[in-house]
Amino acid sequence: MLALLAGIHRAAAQLPVITSFSQNGLLVCSNLAPGLPASLQWSSSLSGPWQTNWAGFGAVTADSNGLIHVSVPMFYRVPACPIPPTASRPTAWR
Protein backbone atom coordinates (compact mmCIF):
# COMPACT_ATOMS: atom_id res chain seq x y z
CA MET A 1 0.00 0.00 0.00
CA LEU A 2 2.82 2.40 0.86
CA ALA A 3 4.46 1.73 -2.52
CA LEU A 4 1.16 2.52 -4.24
CA LEU A 5 0.84 5.82 -2.35
CA ALA A 6 4.45 6.68 -3.13
CA GLY A 7 3.74 6.09 -6.82
CA ILE A 8 0.72 8.38 -6.71
CA HIS A 9 2.73 11.09 -4.94
CA ARG A 10 5.57 10.81 -7.48
CA ALA A 11 3.13 11.01 -10.40
CA ALA A 12 1.41 14.07 -8.93
CA ALA A 13 4.76 15.79 -8.42
CA GLN A 14 5.51 15.39 -12.14
CA LEU A 15 2.57 17.44 -13.42
CA PRO A 16 3.60 20.34 -15.64
CA VAL A 17 4.21 23.59 -13.76
CA ILE A 18 4.13 27.04 -15.34
CA THR A 19 7.14 28.51 -13.57
CA SER A 20 7.00 32.00 -15.06
CA PHE A 21 5.10 34.19 -17.47
CA SER A 22 6.80 37.49 -18.15
CA GLN A 23 5.33 40.75 -19.42
CA ASN A 24 7.02 40.22 -22.79
CA GLY A 25 4.99 37.05 -23.33
CA LEU A 26 7.61 34.41 -22.48
CA LEU A 27 5.97 31.43 -20.74
CA VAL A 28 8.25 28.86 -19.08
CA CYS A 29 6.95 25.44 -18.03
CA SER A 30 8.84 22.67 -16.18
CA ASN A 31 8.27 18.95 -15.50
CA LEU A 32 7.76 18.06 -19.17
CA ALA A 33 9.10 14.88 -20.78
CA PRO A 34 12.32 15.74 -22.67
CA GLY A 35 11.98 15.42 -26.44
CA LEU A 36 8.17 15.04 -26.44
CA PRO A 37 5.79 17.70 -27.74
CA ALA A 38 3.82 19.83 -25.30
CA SER A 39 0.53 21.61 -25.84
CA LEU A 40 -0.22 25.14 -24.64
CA GLN A 41 -3.87 25.89 -24.02
CA TRP A 42 -5.40 29.27 -23.21
CA SER A 43 -8.73 30.68 -22.12
CA SER A 44 -10.18 34.05 -21.23
CA SER A 45 -11.95 32.32 -18.32
CA LEU A 46 -10.66 29.77 -15.82
CA SER A 47 -13.75 27.66 -16.49
CA GLY A 48 -12.95 27.52 -20.24
CA PRO A 49 -13.47 26.81 -22.98
CA TRP A 50 -9.78 26.01 -23.52
CA GLN A 51 -8.28 26.78 -26.93
CA THR A 52 -5.13 25.68 -28.72
CA ASN A 53 -5.03 28.18 -31.58
CA TRP A 54 -5.29 31.92 -32.13
CA ALA A 55 -7.64 31.76 -35.14
CA GLY A 56 -10.30 33.88 -33.41
CA PHE A 57 -7.92 36.85 -33.24
CA GLY A 58 -7.04 36.87 -36.94
CA ALA A 59 -9.99 38.94 -38.11
CA VAL A 60 -11.96 40.80 -35.46
CA THR A 61 -14.56 43.12 -37.02
CA ALA A 62 -15.15 46.56 -35.55
CA ASP A 63 -18.72 47.41 -34.55
CA SER A 64 -20.70 50.44 -35.78
CA ASN A 65 -18.80 52.65 -33.33
CA GLY A 66 -15.42 51.49 -34.58
CA LEU A 67 -14.77 49.39 -31.47
CA ILE A 68 -13.78 45.78 -31.01
CA HIS A 69 -14.60 43.68 -27.95
CA VAL A 70 -12.35 40.66 -27.50
CA SER A 71 -11.92 38.27 -24.59
CA VAL A 72 -8.15 37.96 -24.58
CA PRO A 73 -6.29 35.04 -23.01
CA MET A 74 -5.78 35.48 -19.29
CA PHE A 75 -5.30 31.86 -18.24
CA TYR A 76 -2.84 29.35 -19.63
CA ARG A 77 -2.27 25.65 -18.98
CA VAL A 78 0.02 22.93 -20.20
CA PRO A 79 -1.58 19.47 -20.02
CA ALA A 80 0.54 16.56 -18.81
CA CYS A 81 0.21 15.12 -22.31
CA PRO A 82 -1.34 16.52 -25.49
CA ILE A 83 -5.13 16.21 -25.30
CA PRO A 84 -7.92 17.34 -27.62
CA PRO A 85 -8.76 21.04 -27.10
CA THR A 86 -12.34 20.21 -26.07
CA ALA A 87 -11.26 17.79 -23.34
CA SER A 88 -11.07 19.00 -19.78
CA ARG A 89 -8.84 17.94 -16.89
CA PRO A 90 -6.98 19.67 -14.07
CA THR A 91 -3.49 20.97 -14.90
CA ALA A 92 -1.27 23.88 -13.97
CA TRP A 93 -2.93 27.30 -14.29
CA ARG A 94 -1.26 30.68 -14.30
PDB file of N, CA and C in Angstrom:
ATOM      1  N   MET A   1       0.821  -1.186   0.000  1.00  0.00           N
ATOM      2  CA  MET A   1       0.000   0.000   0.000  1.00  0.00           C
ATOM      3  C   MET A   1       0.872   1.260   0.000  1.00  0.00           C
ATOM      4  N   LEU A   2       1.921   1.249   0.805  1.00  0.00           N
ATOM      5  CA  LEU A   2       2.817   2.400   0.857  1.00  0.00           C
ATOM      6  C   LEU A   2       3.462   2.651  -0.504  1.00  0.00           C
ATOM      7  N   ALA A   3       3.860   1.582  -1.190  1.00  0.00           N
ATOM      8  CA  ALA A   3       4.458   1.735  -2.521  1.00  0.00           C
ATOM      9  C   ALA A   3       3.456   2.351  -3.493  1.00  0.00           C
ATOM     10  N   LEU A   4       2.198   1.960  -3.391  1.00  0.00           N
ATOM     11  CA  LEU A   4       1.159   2.524  -4.239  1.00  0.00           C
ATOM     12  C   LEU A   4       1.005   4.017  -3.969  1.00  0.00           C
ATOM     13  N   LEU A   5       0.954   4.409  -2.700  1.00  0.00           N
ATOM     14  CA  LEU A   5       0.843   5.821  -2.354  1.00  0.00           C
ATOM     15  C   LEU A   5       2.066   6.609  -2.802  1.00  0.00           C
ATOM     16  N   ALA A   6       3.228   6.014  -2.681  1.00  0.00           N
ATOM     17  CA  ALA A   6       4.454   6.682  -3.129  1.00  0.00           C
ATOM     18  C   ALA A   6       4.399   6.909  -4.632  1.00  0.00           C
ATOM     19  N   GLY A   7       3.867   5.941  -5.372  1.00  0.00           N
ATOM     20  CA  GLY A   7       3.738   6.092  -6.816  1.00  0.00           C
ATOM     21  C   GLY A   7       2.777   7.196  -7.189  1.00  0.00           C
ATOM     22  N   ILE A   8       1.680   7.315  -6.463  1.00  0.00           N
ATOM     23  CA  ILE A   8       0.715   8.380  -6.711  1.00  0.00           C
ATOM     24  C   ILE A   8       1.349   9.730  -6.410  1.00  0.00           C
ATOM     25  N   HIS A   9       2.073   9.829  -5.300  1.00  0.00           N
ATOM     26  CA  HIS A   9       2.729  11.086  -4.936  1.00  0.00           C
ATOM     27  C   HIS A   9       3.758  11.476  -5.995  1.00  0.00           C
ATOM     28  N   ARG A  10       4.552  10.517  -6.473  1.00  0.00           N
ATOM     29  CA  ARG A  10       5.569  10.805  -7.476  1.00  0.00           C
ATOM     30  C   ARG A  10       4.903  11.274  -8.770  1.00  0.00           C
ATOM     31  N   ALA A  11       3.813  10.623  -9.172  1.00  0.00           N
ATOM     32  CA  ALA A  11       3.126  11.015 -10.396  1.00  0.00           C
ATOM     33  C   ALA A  11       2.553  12.421 -10.268  1.00  0.00           C
ATOM     34  N   ALA A  12       1.978  12.744  -9.124  1.00  0.00           N
ATOM     35  CA  ALA A  12       1.406  14.075  -8.930  1.00  0.00           C
ATOM     36  C   ALA A  12       2.489  15.145  -8.956  1.00  0.00           C
ATOM     37  N   ALA A  13       3.664  14.820  -8.451  1.00  0.00           N
ATOM     38  CA  ALA A  13       4.759  15.791  -8.421  1.00  0.00           C
ATOM     39  C   ALA A  13       5.287  16.082  -9.823  1.00  0.00           C
ATOM     40  N   GLN A  14       4.992  15.222 -10.791  1.00  0.00           N
ATOM     41  CA  GLN A  14       5.512  15.394 -12.136  1.00  0.00           C
ATOM     42  C   GLN A  14       4.554  16.125 -13.076  1.00  0.00           C
ATOM     43  N   LEU A  15       3.461  16.669 -12.574  1.00  0.00           N
ATOM     44  CA  LEU A  15       2.571  17.441 -13.425  1.00  0.00           C
ATOM     45  C   LEU A  15       3.299  18.677 -13.935  1.00  0.00           C
ATOM     46  N   PRO A  16       2.978  19.118 -15.136  1.00  0.00           N
ATOM     47  CA  PRO A  16       3.601  20.340 -15.642  1.00  0.00           C
ATOM     48  C   PRO A  16       3.325  21.528 -14.718  1.00  0.00           C
ATOM     49  N   VAL A  17       4.325  22.397 -14.597  1.00  0.00           N
ATOM     50  CA  VAL A  17       4.205  23.586 -13.761  1.00  0.00           C
ATOM     51  C   VAL A  17       4.636  24.797 -14.580  1.00  0.00           C
ATOM     52  N   ILE A  18       3.752  25.785 -14.699  1.00  0.00           N
ATOM     53  CA  ILE A  18       4.134  27.037 -15.339  1.00  0.00           C
ATOM     54  C   ILE A  18       4.940  27.810 -14.307  1.00  0.00           C
ATOM     55  N   THR A  19       6.247  27.913 -14.552  1.00  0.00           N
ATOM     56  CA  THR A  19       7.140  28.513 -13.565  1.00  0.00           C
ATOM     57  C   THR A  19       7.258  30.024 -13.701  1.00  0.00           C
ATOM     58  N   SER A  20       7.004  30.549 -14.906  1.00  0.00           N
ATOM     59  CA  SER A  20       7.004  31.998 -15.058  1.00  0.00           C
ATOM     60  C   SER A  20       6.254  32.385 -16.323  1.00  0.00           C
ATOM     61  N   PHE A  21       5.765  33.607 -16.311  1.00  0.00           N
ATOM     62  CA  PHE A  21       5.100  34.190 -17.473  1.00  0.00           C
ATOM     63  C   PHE A  21       5.391  35.675 -17.423  1.00  0.00           C
ATOM     64  N   SER A  22       6.324  36.113 -18.224  1.00  0.00           N
ATOM     65  CA  SER A  22       6.796  37.491 -18.146  1.00  0.00           C
ATOM     66  C   SER A  22       5.923  38.446 -18.959  1.00  0.00           C
ATOM     67  N   GLN A  23       6.116  39.723 -18.731  1.00  0.00           N
ATOM     68  CA  GLN A  23       5.334  40.746 -19.419  1.00  0.00           C
ATOM     69  C   GLN A  23       5.593  40.769 -20.912  1.00  0.00           C
ATOM     70  N   ASN A  24       6.741  40.245 -21.352  1.00  0.00           N
ATOM     71  CA  ASN A  24       7.023  40.225 -22.786  1.00  0.00           C
ATOM     72  C   ASN A  24       6.445  38.996 -23.476  1.00  0.00           C
ATOM     73  N   GLY A  25       5.682  38.180 -22.736  1.00  0.00           N
ATOM     74  CA  GLY A  25       4.994  37.048 -23.332  1.00  0.00           C
ATOM     75  C   GLY A  25       5.734  35.733 -23.288  1.00  0.00           C
ATOM     76  N   LEU A  26       6.854  35.656 -22.568  1.00  0.00           N
ATOM     77  CA  LEU A  26       7.609  34.410 -22.476  1.00  0.00           C
ATOM     78  C   LEU A  26       7.042  33.549 -21.353  1.00  0.00           C
ATOM     79  N   LEU A  27       6.518  32.378 -21.711  1.00  0.00           N
ATOM     80  CA  LEU A  27       5.973  31.435 -20.741  1.00  0.00           C
ATOM     81  C   LEU A  27       6.968  30.295 -20.591  1.00  0.00           C
ATOM     82  N   VAL A  28       7.318  29.946 -19.355  1.00  0.00           N
ATOM     83  CA  VAL A  28       8.248  28.861 -19.076  1.00  0.00           C
ATOM     84  C   VAL A  28       7.520  27.807 -18.256  1.00  0.00           C
ATOM     85  N   CYS A  29       7.624  26.553 -18.694  1.00  0.00           N
ATOM     86  CA  CYS A  29       6.951  25.443 -18.029  1.00  0.00           C
ATOM     87  C   CYS A  29       7.970  24.341 -17.753  1.00  0.00           C
ATOM     88  N   SER A  30       7.912  23.753 -16.550  1.00  0.00           N
ATOM     89  CA  SER A  30       8.837  22.671 -16.182  1.00  0.00           C
ATOM     90  C   SER A  30       8.074  21.362 -16.021  1.00  0.00           C
ATOM     91  N   ASN A  31       8.805  20.298 -15.721  1.00  0.00           N
ATOM     92  CA  ASN A  31       8.272  18.950 -15.498  1.00  0.00           C
ATOM     93  C   ASN A  31       7.675  18.324 -16.751  1.00  0.00           C
ATOM     94  N   LEU A  32       8.212  18.668 -17.916  1.00  0.00           N
ATOM     95  CA  LEU A  32       7.765  18.057 -19.165  1.00  0.00           C
ATOM     96  C   LEU A  32       8.738  16.952 -19.558  1.00  0.00           C
ATOM     97  N   ALA A  33       8.254  15.982 -20.320  1.00  0.00           N
ATOM     98  CA  ALA A  33       9.099  14.883 -20.779  1.00  0.00           C
ATOM     99  C   ALA A  33      10.039  15.400 -21.864  1.00  0.00           C
ATOM    100  N   PRO A  34      11.354  15.267 -21.673  1.00  0.00           N
ATOM    101  CA  PRO A  34      12.318  15.742 -22.668  1.00  0.00           C
ATOM    102  C   PRO A  34      12.075  15.106 -24.039  1.00  0.00           C
ATOM    103  N   GLY A  35      12.100  15.912 -25.080  1.00  0.00           N
ATOM    104  CA  GLY A  35      11.976  15.421 -26.440  1.00  0.00           C
ATOM    105  C   GLY A  35      10.553  15.160 -26.917  1.00  0.00           C
ATOM    106  N   LEU A  36       9.560  15.266 -26.037  1.00  0.00           N
ATOM    107  CA  LEU A  36       8.174  15.036 -26.438  1.00  0.00           C
ATOM    108  C   LEU A  36       7.459  16.366 -26.610  1.00  0.00           C
ATOM    109  N   PRO A  37       6.498  16.442 -27.536  1.00  0.00           N
ATOM    110  CA  PRO A  37       5.787  17.704 -27.739  1.00  0.00           C
ATOM    111  C   PRO A  37       4.899  18.059 -26.550  1.00  0.00           C
ATOM    112  N   ALA A  38       4.710  19.333 -26.352  1.00  0.00           N
ATOM    113  CA  ALA A  38       3.816  19.835 -25.303  1.00  0.00           C
ATOM    114  C   ALA A  38       2.736  20.658 -25.982  1.00  0.00           C
ATOM    115  N   SER A  39       1.638  20.844 -25.303  1.00  0.00           N
ATOM    116  CA  SER A  39       0.526  21.615 -25.840  1.00  0.00           C
ATOM    117  C   SER A  39       0.230  22.772 -24.893  1.00  0.00           C
ATOM    118  N   LEU A  40       0.150  23.974 -25.440  1.00  0.00           N
ATOM    119  CA  LEU A  40      -0.218  25.139 -24.643  1.00  0.00           C
ATOM    120  C   LEU A  40      -1.675  25.447 -24.925  1.00  0.00           C
ATOM    121  N   GLN A  41      -2.461  25.556 -23.878  1.00  0.00           N
ATOM    122  CA  GLN A  41      -3.868  25.895 -24.020  1.00  0.00           C
ATOM    123  C   GLN A  41      -4.122  27.206 -23.306  1.00  0.00           C
ATOM    124  N   TRP A  42      -5.074  27.981 -23.813  1.00  0.00           N
ATOM    125  CA  TRP A  42      -5.397  29.265 -23.211  1.00  0.00           C
ATOM    126  C   TRP A  42      -6.902  29.457 -23.154  1.00  0.00           C
ATOM    127  N   SER A  43      -7.311  30.351 -22.269  1.00  0.00           N
ATOM    128  CA  SER A  43      -8.728  30.684 -22.123  1.00  0.00           C
ATOM    129  C   SER A  43      -8.847  32.076 -21.525  1.00  0.00           C
ATOM    130  N   SER A  44      -9.930  32.751 -21.858  1.00  0.00           N
ATOM    131  CA  SER A  44     -10.180  34.050 -21.234  1.00  0.00           C
ATOM    132  C   SER A  44     -10.912  33.875 -19.906  1.00  0.00           C
ATOM    133  N   SER A  45     -11.280  32.632 -19.569  1.00  0.00           N
ATOM    134  CA  SER A  45     -11.951  32.321 -18.316  1.00  0.00           C
ATOM    135  C   SER A  45     -11.368  31.035 -17.744  1.00  0.00           C
ATOM    136  N   LEU A  46     -11.205  30.973 -16.449  1.00  0.00           N
ATOM    137  CA  LEU A  46     -10.656  29.772 -15.820  1.00  0.00           C
ATOM    138  C   LEU A  46     -11.540  28.552 -16.060  1.00  0.00           C
ATOM    139  N   SER A  47     -12.831  28.771 -16.254  1.00  0.00           N
ATOM    140  CA  SER A  47     -13.751  27.658 -16.493  1.00  0.00           C
ATOM    141  C   SER A  47     -13.802  27.238 -17.965  1.00  0.00           C
ATOM    142  N   GLY A  48     -13.012  27.895 -18.832  1.00  0.00           N
ATOM    143  CA  GLY A  48     -12.948  27.521 -20.240  1.00  0.00           C
ATOM    144  C   GLY A  48     -13.946  28.302 -21.067  1.00  0.00           C
ATOM    145  N   PRO A  49     -14.076  27.954 -22.314  1.00  0.00           N
ATOM    146  CA  PRO A  49     -13.473  26.810 -22.982  1.00  0.00           C
ATOM    147  C   PRO A  49     -11.989  27.046 -23.258  1.00  0.00           C
ATOM    148  N   TRP A  50     -11.217  25.957 -23.275  1.00  0.00           N
ATOM    149  CA  TRP A  50      -9.783  26.008 -23.518  1.00  0.00           C
ATOM    150  C   TRP A  50      -9.510  25.885 -25.006  1.00  0.00           C
ATOM    151  N   GLN A  51      -8.617  26.719 -25.508  1.00  0.00           N
ATOM    152  CA  GLN A  51      -8.282  26.777 -26.931  1.00  0.00           C
ATOM    153  C   GLN A  51      -6.830  26.401 -27.153  1.00  0.00           C
ATOM    154  N   THR A  52      -6.521  25.981 -28.375  1.00  0.00           N
ATOM    155  CA  THR A  52      -5.132  25.678 -28.722  1.00  0.00           C
ATOM    156  C   THR A  52      -4.647  26.483 -29.918  1.00  0.00           C
ATOM    157  N   ASN A  53      -5.475  27.358 -30.445  1.00  0.00           N
ATOM    158  CA  ASN A  53      -5.029  28.179 -31.577  1.00  0.00           C
ATOM    159  C   ASN A  53      -5.518  29.610 -31.406  1.00  0.00           C
ATOM    160  N   TRP A  54      -4.994  30.494 -32.230  1.00  0.00           N
ATOM    161  CA  TRP A  54      -5.292  31.923 -32.131  1.00  0.00           C
ATOM    162  C   TRP A  54      -6.196  32.375 -33.273  1.00  0.00           C
ATOM    163  N   ALA A  55      -6.858  31.435 -33.952  1.00  0.00           N
ATOM    164  CA  ALA A  55      -7.644  31.757 -35.139  1.00  0.00           C
ATOM    165  C   ALA A  55      -8.683  32.846 -34.882  1.00  0.00           C
ATOM    166  N   GLY A  56      -9.276  32.885 -33.714  1.00  0.00           N
ATOM    167  CA  GLY A  56     -10.298  33.877 -33.414  1.00  0.00           C
ATOM    168  C   GLY A  56      -9.797  35.310 -33.368  1.00  0.00           C
ATOM    169  N   PHE A  57      -8.488  35.499 -33.308  1.00  0.00           N
ATOM    170  CA  PHE A  57      -7.923  36.849 -33.239  1.00  0.00           C
ATOM    171  C   PHE A  57      -7.445  37.348 -34.593  1.00  0.00           C
ATOM    172  N   GLY A  58      -7.553  36.516 -35.620  1.00  0.00           N
ATOM    173  CA  GLY A  58      -7.035  36.874 -36.942  1.00  0.00           C
ATOM    174  C   GLY A  58      -7.836  37.939 -37.652  1.00  0.00           C
ATOM    175  N   ALA A  59      -9.131  37.980 -37.429  1.00  0.00           N
ATOM    176  CA  ALA A  59      -9.991  38.944 -38.112  1.00  0.00           C
ATOM    177  C   ALA A  59     -11.144  39.317 -37.188  1.00  0.00           C
ATOM    178  N   VAL A  60     -10.925  40.324 -36.379  1.00  0.00           N
ATOM    179  CA  VAL A  60     -11.961  40.805 -35.463  1.00  0.00           C
ATOM    180  C   VAL A  60     -12.572  42.052 -36.091  1.00  0.00           C
ATOM    181  N   THR A  61     -13.870  42.023 -36.328  1.00  0.00           N
ATOM    182  CA  THR A  61     -14.564  43.118 -37.019  1.00  0.00           C
ATOM    183  C   THR A  61     -15.012  44.192 -36.033  1.00  0.00           C
ATOM    184  N   ALA A  62     -14.730  45.430 -36.379  1.00  0.00           N
ATOM    185  CA  ALA A  62     -15.148  46.557 -35.548  1.00  0.00           C
ATOM    186  C   ALA A  62     -16.661  46.754 -35.656  1.00  0.00           C
ATOM    187  N   ASP A  63     -17.274  47.163 -34.543  1.00  0.00           N
ATOM    188  CA  ASP A  63     -18.718  47.409 -34.548  1.00  0.00           C
ATOM    189  C   ASP A  63     -19.018  48.769 -35.184  1.00  0.00           C
ATOM    190  N   SER A  64     -20.277  49.189 -35.136  1.00  0.00           N
ATOM    191  CA  SER A  64     -20.697  50.444 -35.781  1.00  0.00           C
ATOM    192  C   SER A  64     -20.047  51.687 -35.169  1.00  0.00           C
ATOM    193  N   ASN A  65     -19.507  51.542 -33.974  1.00  0.00           N
ATOM    194  CA  ASN A  65     -18.802  52.652 -33.326  1.00  0.00           C
ATOM    195  C   ASN A  65     -17.298  52.597 -33.534  1.00  0.00           C
ATOM    196  N   GLY A  66     -16.854  51.635 -34.324  1.00  0.00           N
ATOM    197  CA  GLY A  66     -15.418  51.489 -34.576  1.00  0.00           C
ATOM    198  C   GLY A  66     -14.675  50.828 -33.437  1.00  0.00           C
ATOM    199  N   LEU A  67     -15.374  50.063 -32.614  1.00  0.00           N
ATOM    200  CA  LEU A  67     -14.768  49.389 -31.466  1.00  0.00           C
ATOM    201  C   LEU A  67     -14.739  47.881 -31.684  1.00  0.00           C
ATOM    202  N   ILE A  68     -13.770  47.237 -31.074  1.00  0.00           N
ATOM    203  CA  ILE A  68     -13.776  45.781 -31.012  1.00  0.00           C
ATOM    204  C   ILE A  68     -13.846  45.368 -29.550  1.00  0.00           C
ATOM    205  N   HIS A  69     -14.484  44.253 -29.290  1.00  0.00           N
ATOM    206  CA  HIS A  69     -14.598  43.684 -27.950  1.00  0.00           C
ATOM    207  C   HIS A  69     -14.100  42.255 -28.047  1.00  0.00           C
ATOM    208  N   VAL A  70     -12.984  41.972 -27.388  1.00  0.00           N
ATOM    209  CA  VAL A  70     -12.353  40.661 -27.504  1.00  0.00           C
ATOM    210  C   VAL A  70     -11.987  40.151 -26.115  1.00  0.00           C
ATOM    211  N   SER A  71     -12.366  38.914 -25.832  1.00  0.00           N
ATOM    212  CA  SER A  71     -11.916  38.269 -24.589  1.00  0.00           C
ATOM    213  C   SER A  71     -10.532  37.709 -24.857  1.00  0.00           C
ATOM    214  N   VAL A  72      -9.523  38.384 -24.320  1.00  0.00           N
ATOM    215  CA  VAL A  72      -8.148  37.962 -24.579  1.00  0.00           C
ATOM    216  C   VAL A  72      -7.718  36.916 -23.559  1.00  0.00           C
ATOM    217  N   PRO A  73      -6.750  36.091 -23.924  1.00  0.00           N
ATOM    218  CA  PRO A  73      -6.287  35.045 -23.008  1.00  0.00           C
ATOM    219  C   PRO A  73      -5.748  35.613 -21.708  1.00  0.00           C
ATOM    220  N   MET A  74      -6.262  35.088 -20.607  1.00  0.00           N
ATOM    221  CA  MET A  74      -5.781  35.475 -19.291  1.00  0.00           C
ATOM    222  C   MET A  74      -5.291  34.271 -18.504  1.00  0.00           C
ATOM    223  N   PHE A  75      -5.670  33.088 -18.936  1.00  0.00           N
ATOM    224  CA  PHE A  75      -5.301  31.860 -18.243  1.00  0.00           C
ATOM    225  C   PHE A  75      -4.628  30.931 -19.240  1.00  0.00           C
ATOM    226  N   TYR A  76      -3.592  30.259 -18.786  1.00  0.00           N
ATOM    227  CA  TYR A  76      -2.836  29.346 -19.627  1.00  0.00           C
ATOM    228  C   TYR A  76      -2.636  28.046 -18.872  1.00  0.00           C
ATOM    229  N   ARG A  77      -2.572  26.933 -19.601  1.00  0.00           N
ATOM    230  CA  ARG A  77      -2.270  25.654 -18.982  1.00  0.00           C
ATOM    231  C   ARG A  77      -1.504  24.793 -19.965  1.00  0.00           C
ATOM    232  N   VAL A  78      -0.729  23.888 -19.412  1.00  0.00           N
ATOM    233  CA  VAL A  78       0.025  22.925 -20.203  1.00  0.00           C
ATOM    234  C   VAL A  78      -0.380  21.549 -19.692  1.00  0.00           C
ATOM    235  N   PRO A  79      -1.156  20.805 -20.463  1.00  0.00           N
ATOM    236  CA  PRO A  79      -1.576  19.468 -20.017  1.00  0.00           C
ATOM    237  C   PRO A  79      -0.379  18.544 -19.846  1.00  0.00           C
ATOM    238  N   ALA A  80      -0.535  17.518 -19.025  1.00  0.00           N
ATOM    239  CA  ALA A  80       0.542  16.558 -18.808  1.00  0.00           C
ATOM    240  C   ALA A  80       0.910  15.849 -20.101  1.00  0.00           C
ATOM    241  N   CYS A  81      -0.049  15.675 -20.976  1.00  0.00           N
ATOM    242  CA  CYS A  81       0.211  15.120 -22.307  1.00  0.00           C
ATOM    243  C   CYS A  81      -0.763  15.796 -23.255  1.00  0.00           C
ATOM    244  N   PRO A  82      -0.422  15.866 -24.551  1.00  0.00           N
ATOM    245  CA  PRO A  82      -1.335  16.523 -25.486  1.00  0.00           C
ATOM    246  C   PRO A  82      -2.714  15.864 -25.441  1.00  0.00           C
ATOM    247  N   ILE A  83      -3.754  16.703 -25.307  1.00  0.00           N
ATOM    248  CA  ILE A  83      -5.130  16.213 -25.296  1.00  0.00           C
ATOM    249  C   ILE A  83      -5.953  17.055 -26.252  1.00  0.00           C
ATOM    250  N   PRO A  84      -7.083  16.538 -26.719  1.00  0.00           N
ATOM    251  CA  PRO A  84      -7.920  17.342 -27.618  1.00  0.00           C
ATOM    252  C   PRO A  84      -8.329  18.646 -26.943  1.00  0.00           C
ATOM    253  N   PRO A  85      -8.447  19.744 -27.698  1.00  0.00           N
ATOM    254  CA  PRO A  85      -8.763  21.041 -27.103  1.00  0.00           C
ATOM    255  C   PRO A  85     -10.112  21.099 -26.410  1.00  0.00           C
ATOM    256  N   THR A  86     -11.033  20.184 -26.715  1.00  0.00           N
ATOM    257  CA  THR A  86     -12.340  20.210 -26.069  1.00  0.00           C
ATOM    258  C   THR A  86     -12.359  19.393 -24.788  1.00  0.00           C
ATOM    259  N   ALA A  87     -11.314  18.601 -24.555  1.00  0.00           N
ATOM    260  CA  ALA A  87     -11.263  17.790 -23.338  1.00  0.00           C
ATOM    261  C   ALA A  87     -10.951  18.686 -22.150  1.00  0.00           C
ATOM    262  N   SER A  88     -11.291  18.211 -20.978  1.00  0.00           N
ATOM    263  CA  SER A  88     -11.069  19.004 -19.775  1.00  0.00           C
ATOM    264  C   SER A  88     -10.476  18.135 -18.691  1.00  0.00           C
ATOM    265  N   ARG A  89      -9.403  18.625 -18.050  1.00  0.00           N
ATOM    266  CA  ARG A  89      -8.839  17.938 -16.892  1.00  0.00           C
ATOM    267  C   ARG A  89      -7.950  18.920 -16.157  1.00  0.00           C
ATOM    268  N   PRO A  90      -7.787  18.726 -14.851  1.00  0.00           N
ATOM    269  CA  PRO A  90      -6.983  19.673 -14.071  1.00  0.00           C
ATOM    270  C   PRO A  90      -5.515  19.650 -14.489  1.00  0.00           C
ATOM    271  N   THR A  91      -4.912  20.815 -14.597  1.00  0.00           N
ATOM    272  CA  THR A  91      -3.489  20.967 -14.902  1.00  0.00           C
ATOM    273  C   THR A  91      -2.985  22.197 -14.178  1.00  0.00           C
ATOM    274  N   ALA A  92      -1.834  22.673 -14.582  1.00  0.00           N
ATOM    275  CA  ALA A  92      -1.268  23.877 -13.965  1.00  0.00           C
ATOM    276  C   ALA A  92      -1.883  25.109 -14.592  1.00  0.00           C
ATOM    277  N   TRP A  93      -2.360  26.049 -13.786  1.00  0.00           N
ATOM    278  CA  TRP A  93      -2.926  27.301 -14.292  1.00  0.00           C
ATOM    279  C   TRP A  93      -2.044  28.437 -13.851  1.00  0.00           C
ATOM    280  N   ARG A  94      -2.034  29.491 -14.647  1.00  0.00           N
ATOM    281  CA  ARG A  94      -1.258  30.685 -14.296  1.00  0.00           C
ATOM    282  C   ARG A  94      -2.093  31.891 -14.595  1.00  0.00           C
TER     283      ARG A  94
END
